């Protein structure tokens, strides 16, 4: 099994999880915030243009895991204050 490096999510930046990890788009992934933090996850082919309640995001907080669907066309994360993300392939 390959080791996937943690993803550093800069404050106020939308980050493409697949691009940051070199995991193939469509692979089912599980993510968790390391340490303290809050973030919003998006499953979409393109990054959302707005970070608001109409964007279809999933909230992620420290101590929680989130898993996307196999075959998703993209996975993005946004954190207002920044965070470090652990990513695994299922």
Protein backbone atom coordinates (compact mmCIF):
# COMPACT_ATOMS: atom_id res chain seq x y z
CA UNK A 1 0.00 0.00 0.00
CA UNK A 2 1.35 3.40 -0.97
CA UNK A 3 1.72 6.08 1.64
CA UNK A 4 -0.37 9.15 0.82
CA UNK A 5 1.14 12.39 2.10
CA UNK A 6 -1.00 14.62 4.29
CA UNK A 7 -2.62 17.53 2.51
CA UNK A 8 -1.93 21.02 3.85
CA UNK A 9 -5.01 23.15 3.18
CA UNK A 10 -4.03 26.84 3.22
CA UNK A 11 -6.44 29.26 4.93
CA UNK A 12 -9.25 30.44 2.67
CA UNK A 13 -8.19 28.28 -0.28
CA UNK A 14 -10.15 25.62 -2.19
CA UNK A 15 -7.87 22.59 -2.55
CA UNK A 16 -8.31 19.70 -5.01
CA UNK A 17 -7.80 16.58 -2.88
CA UNK A 18 -7.15 14.28 -5.84
CA UNK A 19 -4.54 16.62 -7.35
CA UNK A 20 -2.84 17.18 -3.99
CA UNK A 21 -2.47 13.44 -3.37
CA UNK A 22 -2.05 12.02 -6.90
CA UNK A 23 -4.91 9.62 -6.14
CA UNK A 24 -6.79 8.80 -9.35
CA UNK A 25 -10.02 10.76 -9.77
CA UNK A 26 -12.95 8.48 -9.01
CA UNK A 27 -11.16 6.40 -6.37
CA UNK A 28 -13.18 6.25 -3.17
CA UNK A 29 -11.34 8.16 -0.44
CA UNK A 30 -11.74 8.75 3.26
CA UNK A 31 -10.48 11.95 4.88
CA UNK A 32 -9.93 13.26 8.40
CA UNK A 33 -8.55 16.50 9.81
CA UNK A 34 -5.36 16.04 11.80
CA UNK A 35 -5.27 18.21 14.90
CA UNK A 36 -7.73 21.05 15.22
CA UNK A 37 -9.76 22.48 12.39
CA UNK A 38 -12.98 22.74 10.45
CA UNK A 39 -13.51 22.36 6.75
CA UNK A 40 -16.09 21.98 4.02
CA UNK A 41 -15.91 19.09 1.56
CA UNK A 42 -17.28 19.14 -1.99
CA UNK A 43 -17.79 16.33 -4.50
CA UNK A 44 -17.86 17.86 -7.96
CA UNK A 45 -15.98 17.80 -11.26
CA UNK A 46 -15.01 21.45 -10.74
CA UNK A 47 -14.27 23.48 -7.64
CA UNK A 48 -17.25 25.42 -6.29
CA UNK A 49 -17.28 29.11 -7.11
CA UNK A 50 -19.07 30.07 -3.88
CA UNK A 51 -18.43 28.91 -0.34
CA UNK A 52 -21.92 29.19 1.13
CA UNK A 53 -24.88 27.07 2.17
CA UNK A 54 -26.02 26.63 -1.45
CA UNK A 55 -22.75 24.98 -2.54
CA UNK A 56 -23.68 21.41 -1.54
CA UNK A 57 -20.82 20.97 0.91
CA UNK A 58 -20.34 18.55 3.80
CA UNK A 59 -18.96 19.94 7.06
CA UNK A 60 -15.92 18.17 8.53
CA UNK A 61 -14.56 18.83 12.01
CA UNK A 62 -11.65 17.46 14.01
CA UNK A 63 -12.28 13.90 15.14
CA UNK A 64 -14.63 13.11 12.24
CA UNK A 65 -14.06 11.04 9.09
CA UNK A 66 -15.77 11.55 5.76
CA UNK A 67 -15.94 9.22 2.77
CA UNK A 68 -16.96 10.06 -0.76
CA UNK A 69 -18.63 7.80 -3.31
CA UNK A 70 -16.62 5.61 -5.65
CA UNK A 71 -16.67 7.21 -9.09
CA UNK A 72 -17.02 10.81 -7.85
CA UNK A 73 -15.70 13.18 -10.50
CA UNK A 74 -13.79 15.36 -8.04
CA UNK A 75 -13.13 16.05 -4.36
CA UNK A 76 -12.38 19.49 -2.96
CA UNK A 77 -11.86 20.92 0.52
CA UNK A 78 -12.09 24.47 1.86
CA UNK A 79 -11.03 25.66 5.30
CA UNK A 80 -11.35 29.26 6.43
CA UNK A 81 -8.45 28.94 8.90
CA UNK A 82 -6.57 26.14 7.15
CA UNK A 83 -6.02 22.57 8.28
CA UNK A 84 -4.03 19.39 7.66
CA UNK A 85 -5.91 16.52 6.04
CA UNK A 86 -5.18 12.81 6.24
CA UNK A 87 -6.35 10.94 3.11
CA UNK A 88 -6.77 7.21 2.53
CA UNK A 89 -8.00 5.14 -0.42
CA UNK A 90 -10.71 2.57 0.31
